[in-house]
N, C-alpha and C. Protein backbone atom coordinates (compact mmCIF):
# COMPACT_ATOMS: atom_id res chain seq x y z
N UNK A 1 12.05 20.23 -24.90
CA UNK A 1 11.37 20.39 -23.56
C UNK A 1 11.88 19.15 -22.75
N UNK A 2 12.33 19.49 -21.58
CA UNK A 2 12.78 18.35 -20.62
C UNK A 2 11.65 17.61 -20.06
N UNK A 3 11.85 16.28 -20.08
CA UNK A 3 10.83 15.38 -19.43
C UNK A 3 11.08 15.48 -17.87
N UNK A 4 9.95 15.66 -17.23
CA UNK A 4 10.00 15.65 -15.86
C UNK A 4 10.43 14.27 -15.25
N UNK A 5 11.25 14.32 -14.38
CA UNK A 5 11.71 12.97 -13.70
C UNK A 5 10.76 12.40 -12.71
N UNK A 6 10.41 11.29 -12.93
CA UNK A 6 9.65 10.42 -12.08
C UNK A 6 10.30 9.79 -10.74
N UNK A 7 9.89 10.30 -9.58
CA UNK A 7 10.55 9.53 -8.46
C UNK A 7 9.90 8.27 -8.17
N UNK A 8 10.61 7.21 -8.29
CA UNK A 8 10.01 5.87 -8.30
C UNK A 8 10.25 5.32 -7.01
N UNK A 9 9.22 4.52 -6.42
CA UNK A 9 9.15 3.86 -5.03
C UNK A 9 9.92 2.47 -5.54
N UNK A 10 10.34 1.89 -4.36
CA UNK A 10 10.82 0.45 -4.54
C UNK A 10 9.87 -0.47 -5.11
N UNK A 11 8.58 -0.48 -4.96
CA UNK A 11 7.48 -1.15 -5.51
C UNK A 11 7.67 -1.07 -7.07
N UNK A 12 7.84 0.15 -7.46
CA UNK A 12 7.79 0.57 -9.14
C UNK A 12 9.14 -0.09 -9.55
N UNK A 13 10.16 0.12 -8.75
CA UNK A 13 11.60 -0.61 -9.41
C UNK A 13 11.42 -2.06 -9.54
N UNK A 14 10.66 -2.84 -8.47
CA UNK A 14 10.49 -4.26 -8.76
C UNK A 14 9.65 -4.63 -9.83
N UNK A 15 8.60 -3.83 -10.16
CA UNK A 15 7.78 -4.11 -11.11
C UNK A 15 8.49 -3.78 -12.50
N UNK A 16 9.38 -2.66 -12.53
CA UNK A 16 10.19 -2.46 -13.74
C UNK A 16 11.14 -3.56 -13.91
N UNK A 17 11.85 -4.15 -13.02
CA UNK A 17 12.72 -5.28 -13.19
C UNK A 17 12.08 -6.49 -13.59
N UNK A 18 10.76 -6.67 -13.15
CA UNK A 18 9.96 -7.93 -13.54
C UNK A 18 9.31 -7.78 -14.77
N UNK A 19 9.44 -6.38 -15.41
CA UNK A 19 8.67 -6.17 -16.68
C UNK A 19 7.24 -6.22 -16.60
N UNK A 20 6.77 -5.79 -15.52
CA UNK A 20 5.31 -5.88 -15.21
C UNK A 20 4.79 -4.37 -15.43
N UNK A 21 3.78 -4.36 -16.33
CA UNK A 21 3.21 -2.96 -16.60
C UNK A 21 2.30 -2.52 -15.61
N UNK A 22 2.44 -1.24 -15.38
CA UNK A 22 1.54 -0.56 -14.30
C UNK A 22 1.44 1.00 -14.78
N UNK A 23 0.37 1.43 -14.16
CA UNK A 23 0.08 2.96 -14.26
C UNK A 23 0.33 3.60 -12.97
N UNK A 24 1.28 4.60 -13.15
CA UNK A 24 1.65 5.45 -11.94
C UNK A 24 0.80 6.61 -11.86
N UNK A 25 0.23 6.83 -10.54
CA UNK A 25 -0.76 8.00 -10.52
C UNK A 25 -0.40 8.60 -9.18
N UNK A 26 -0.36 9.95 -9.10
CA UNK A 26 -0.11 10.45 -7.84
C UNK A 26 -1.05 11.83 -7.86
N UNK A 27 -1.22 12.30 -6.55
CA UNK A 27 -2.06 13.50 -6.25
C UNK A 27 -1.24 14.63 -5.70
N UNK A 28 -1.24 15.77 -6.31
CA UNK A 28 -0.49 16.84 -5.86
C UNK A 28 -1.15 17.53 -4.56
N UNK A 29 -2.63 17.05 -4.38
CA UNK A 29 -3.32 17.72 -3.28
C UNK A 29 -3.52 16.59 -2.24
N UNK A 30 -2.73 15.49 -2.30
CA UNK A 30 -3.08 14.54 -1.37
C UNK A 30 -2.75 14.82 -0.06
N UNK A 31 -3.35 14.48 1.07
CA UNK A 31 -3.00 14.82 2.37
C UNK A 31 -3.17 13.61 3.20
N UNK A 32 -2.87 13.70 4.37
CA UNK A 32 -3.00 12.71 5.38
C UNK A 32 -4.54 12.28 5.60
N UNK A 33 -5.35 13.26 5.46
CA UNK A 33 -6.76 13.03 5.62
C UNK A 33 -7.43 12.22 4.39
N UNK A 34 -6.70 12.09 3.24
CA UNK A 34 -7.27 11.55 2.06
C UNK A 34 -7.29 10.00 2.53
N UNK A 35 -8.47 9.25 2.32
CA UNK A 35 -8.48 8.05 2.57
C UNK A 35 -8.30 7.14 1.26
N UNK A 36 -7.95 5.84 1.49
CA UNK A 36 -7.94 5.01 0.14
C UNK A 36 -9.20 4.91 -0.43
N UNK A 37 -10.40 5.02 0.31
CA UNK A 37 -11.78 4.90 -0.29
C UNK A 37 -11.92 6.23 -1.21
N UNK A 38 -11.49 7.29 -0.66
CA UNK A 38 -11.64 8.55 -1.60
C UNK A 38 -10.82 8.46 -2.75
N UNK A 39 -9.55 8.09 -2.69
CA UNK A 39 -8.63 7.92 -3.82
C UNK A 39 -9.32 6.97 -4.86
N UNK A 40 -9.82 5.82 -4.35
CA UNK A 40 -10.33 4.77 -5.22
C UNK A 40 -11.49 5.44 -5.95
N UNK A 41 -12.30 6.26 -5.24
CA UNK A 41 -13.37 6.83 -5.88
C UNK A 41 -13.07 7.76 -7.07
N UNK A 42 -11.92 8.48 -6.72
CA UNK A 42 -11.39 9.47 -7.64
C UNK A 42 -10.92 8.76 -8.94
N UNK A 43 -10.34 7.52 -8.77
CA UNK A 43 -9.99 6.89 -10.04
C UNK A 43 -11.20 5.96 -10.55
N UNK A 44 -12.23 6.11 -10.04
CA UNK A 44 -13.34 5.37 -10.41
C UNK A 44 -13.42 3.88 -10.28
N UNK A 45 -12.58 3.47 -9.21
CA UNK A 45 -12.47 2.13 -8.73
C UNK A 45 -13.52 1.57 -7.67
N UNK A 46 -13.71 0.31 -7.59
CA UNK A 46 -14.54 -0.22 -6.49
C UNK A 46 -13.36 -0.28 -5.46
N UNK A 47 -13.95 0.27 -4.16
CA UNK A 47 -12.94 0.19 -3.01
C UNK A 47 -12.55 -1.19 -2.63
N UNK A 48 -13.64 -2.21 -2.86
CA UNK A 48 -13.46 -3.48 -2.37
C UNK A 48 -12.28 -4.25 -3.28
N UNK A 49 -11.98 -3.59 -4.43
CA UNK A 49 -10.86 -4.09 -5.32
C UNK A 49 -9.61 -3.28 -5.18
N UNK A 50 -9.62 -2.32 -4.29
CA UNK A 50 -8.31 -1.66 -4.06
C UNK A 50 -7.72 -1.90 -2.64
N UNK A 51 -6.48 -2.22 -2.64
CA UNK A 51 -5.76 -2.54 -1.42
C UNK A 51 -4.65 -1.61 -1.09
N UNK A 52 -4.28 -1.73 0.36
CA UNK A 52 -3.35 -0.85 0.80
C UNK A 52 -2.39 -1.90 1.42
N UNK A 53 -1.03 -1.58 1.40
CA UNK A 53 0.10 -2.42 1.82
C UNK A 53 0.49 -1.83 3.25
N UNK A 54 0.60 -2.69 4.23
CA UNK A 54 0.98 -1.99 5.41
C UNK A 54 2.16 -3.04 6.10
N UNK A 55 3.10 -2.37 6.59
CA UNK A 55 4.34 -3.04 7.09
C UNK A 55 4.22 -2.90 8.58
N UNK A 56 4.48 -3.97 9.31
CA UNK A 56 4.42 -4.00 10.83
C UNK A 56 5.83 -4.54 11.23
N UNK A 57 6.05 -4.34 12.62
CA UNK A 57 7.26 -4.96 13.04
C UNK A 57 6.78 -5.53 14.31
N UNK A 58 7.16 -6.99 14.43
CA UNK A 58 6.59 -7.70 15.75
C UNK A 58 7.63 -7.44 16.84
N UNK A 59 7.09 -7.81 18.04
CA UNK A 59 7.91 -7.75 19.25
C UNK A 59 9.36 -8.48 19.10
N UNK A 60 9.42 -9.52 18.22
CA UNK A 60 10.54 -10.37 18.00
C UNK A 60 11.54 -9.49 17.14
N UNK A 61 11.06 -8.44 16.49
CA UNK A 61 11.83 -7.61 15.63
C UNK A 61 11.76 -7.90 14.20
N UNK A 62 10.87 -9.03 13.96
CA UNK A 62 10.70 -9.33 12.37
C UNK A 62 9.66 -8.29 11.90
N UNK A 63 9.83 -8.23 10.52
CA UNK A 63 8.84 -7.32 9.81
C UNK A 63 7.84 -8.20 8.99
N UNK A 64 6.61 -7.59 8.89
CA UNK A 64 5.58 -8.41 8.21
C UNK A 64 4.86 -7.43 7.23
N UNK A 65 4.40 -7.84 6.15
CA UNK A 65 3.76 -7.08 5.20
C UNK A 65 2.44 -7.60 5.00
N UNK A 66 1.40 -6.63 5.03
CA UNK A 66 -0.13 -7.13 5.05
C UNK A 66 -0.68 -6.42 3.96
N UNK A 67 -1.57 -6.94 2.99
CA UNK A 67 -2.34 -6.26 2.12
C UNK A 67 -3.90 -6.47 2.59
N UNK A 68 -4.51 -5.30 2.76
CA UNK A 68 -5.84 -5.31 3.06
C UNK A 68 -6.61 -4.31 2.23
N UNK A 69 -8.01 -4.60 2.02
CA UNK A 69 -8.79 -3.55 1.37
C UNK A 69 -8.78 -2.25 2.01
N UNK A 70 -8.87 -1.12 1.23
CA UNK A 70 -8.40 0.28 1.63
C UNK A 70 -9.50 0.67 2.68
N UNK A 71 -10.83 0.19 2.72
CA UNK A 71 -11.72 0.58 3.67
C UNK A 71 -11.63 -0.19 4.99
N UNK A 72 -10.73 -1.21 5.18
CA UNK A 72 -10.47 -1.92 6.30
C UNK A 72 -9.37 -1.45 7.17
N UNK A 73 -9.33 -1.79 8.54
CA UNK A 73 -8.14 -1.43 9.22
C UNK A 73 -7.54 -2.78 9.84
N UNK A 74 -6.14 -2.97 9.94
CA UNK A 74 -5.45 -4.12 10.27
C UNK A 74 -5.81 -4.52 11.78
N UNK A 75 -6.30 -5.67 12.00
CA UNK A 75 -6.58 -6.09 13.36
C UNK A 75 -5.25 -6.73 13.70
N UNK A 76 -4.49 -6.14 14.76
CA UNK A 76 -3.13 -6.40 15.11
C UNK A 76 -3.15 -7.75 15.73
N UNK A 77 -4.19 -8.29 16.49
CA UNK A 77 -4.21 -9.37 17.23
C UNK A 77 -4.27 -10.49 15.98
N UNK A 78 -5.14 -10.32 15.14
CA UNK A 78 -5.38 -11.51 14.18
C UNK A 78 -4.16 -11.56 13.18
N UNK A 79 -3.44 -10.42 12.81
CA UNK A 79 -2.30 -10.32 12.15
C UNK A 79 -1.16 -11.14 12.81
N UNK A 80 -1.06 -10.87 14.23
CA UNK A 80 0.03 -11.51 14.85
C UNK A 80 -0.24 -13.08 14.89
N UNK A 81 -1.62 -13.47 15.09
CA UNK A 81 -2.00 -14.79 15.15
C UNK A 81 -1.56 -15.57 13.78
N UNK A 82 -1.82 -14.73 12.65
CA UNK A 82 -1.51 -15.30 11.34
C UNK A 82 -0.05 -15.47 10.90
N UNK A 83 0.80 -14.64 11.58
CA UNK A 83 2.20 -14.82 11.43
C UNK A 83 3.00 -15.64 12.62
N UNK A 84 2.06 -16.13 13.64
CA UNK A 84 2.52 -16.79 14.65
C UNK A 84 3.48 -16.17 15.51
N UNK A 85 3.12 -14.91 15.84
CA UNK A 85 3.94 -13.91 16.69
C UNK A 85 2.95 -13.62 18.05
N UNK A 86 3.58 -13.34 19.03
CA UNK A 86 2.72 -12.93 20.27
C UNK A 86 2.09 -11.70 19.89
N UNK A 87 2.85 -10.71 19.41
CA UNK A 87 2.33 -9.46 19.41
C UNK A 87 2.84 -8.61 18.32
N UNK A 88 2.20 -7.67 17.65
CA UNK A 88 2.90 -6.90 16.53
C UNK A 88 2.82 -5.44 17.11
């Protein structure tokens, strides 16, 4: 029986290269309406301990990566101040 090929993300490749163990999970019925809070609940995890990674681009053209709790939204003004940019 052929083993199903797993499509890896860049984050997964970095973890593999660094020999960091992780568990890959995916949802066939995931939609844009699914929230991180819903997915955390489906995994039996405390949403306060589950994070999402957001990539932004500042007006300067620089990119910044932020990790925030899944139940939160990124405050762009605070994020810009944190990276010493005028605006994101």
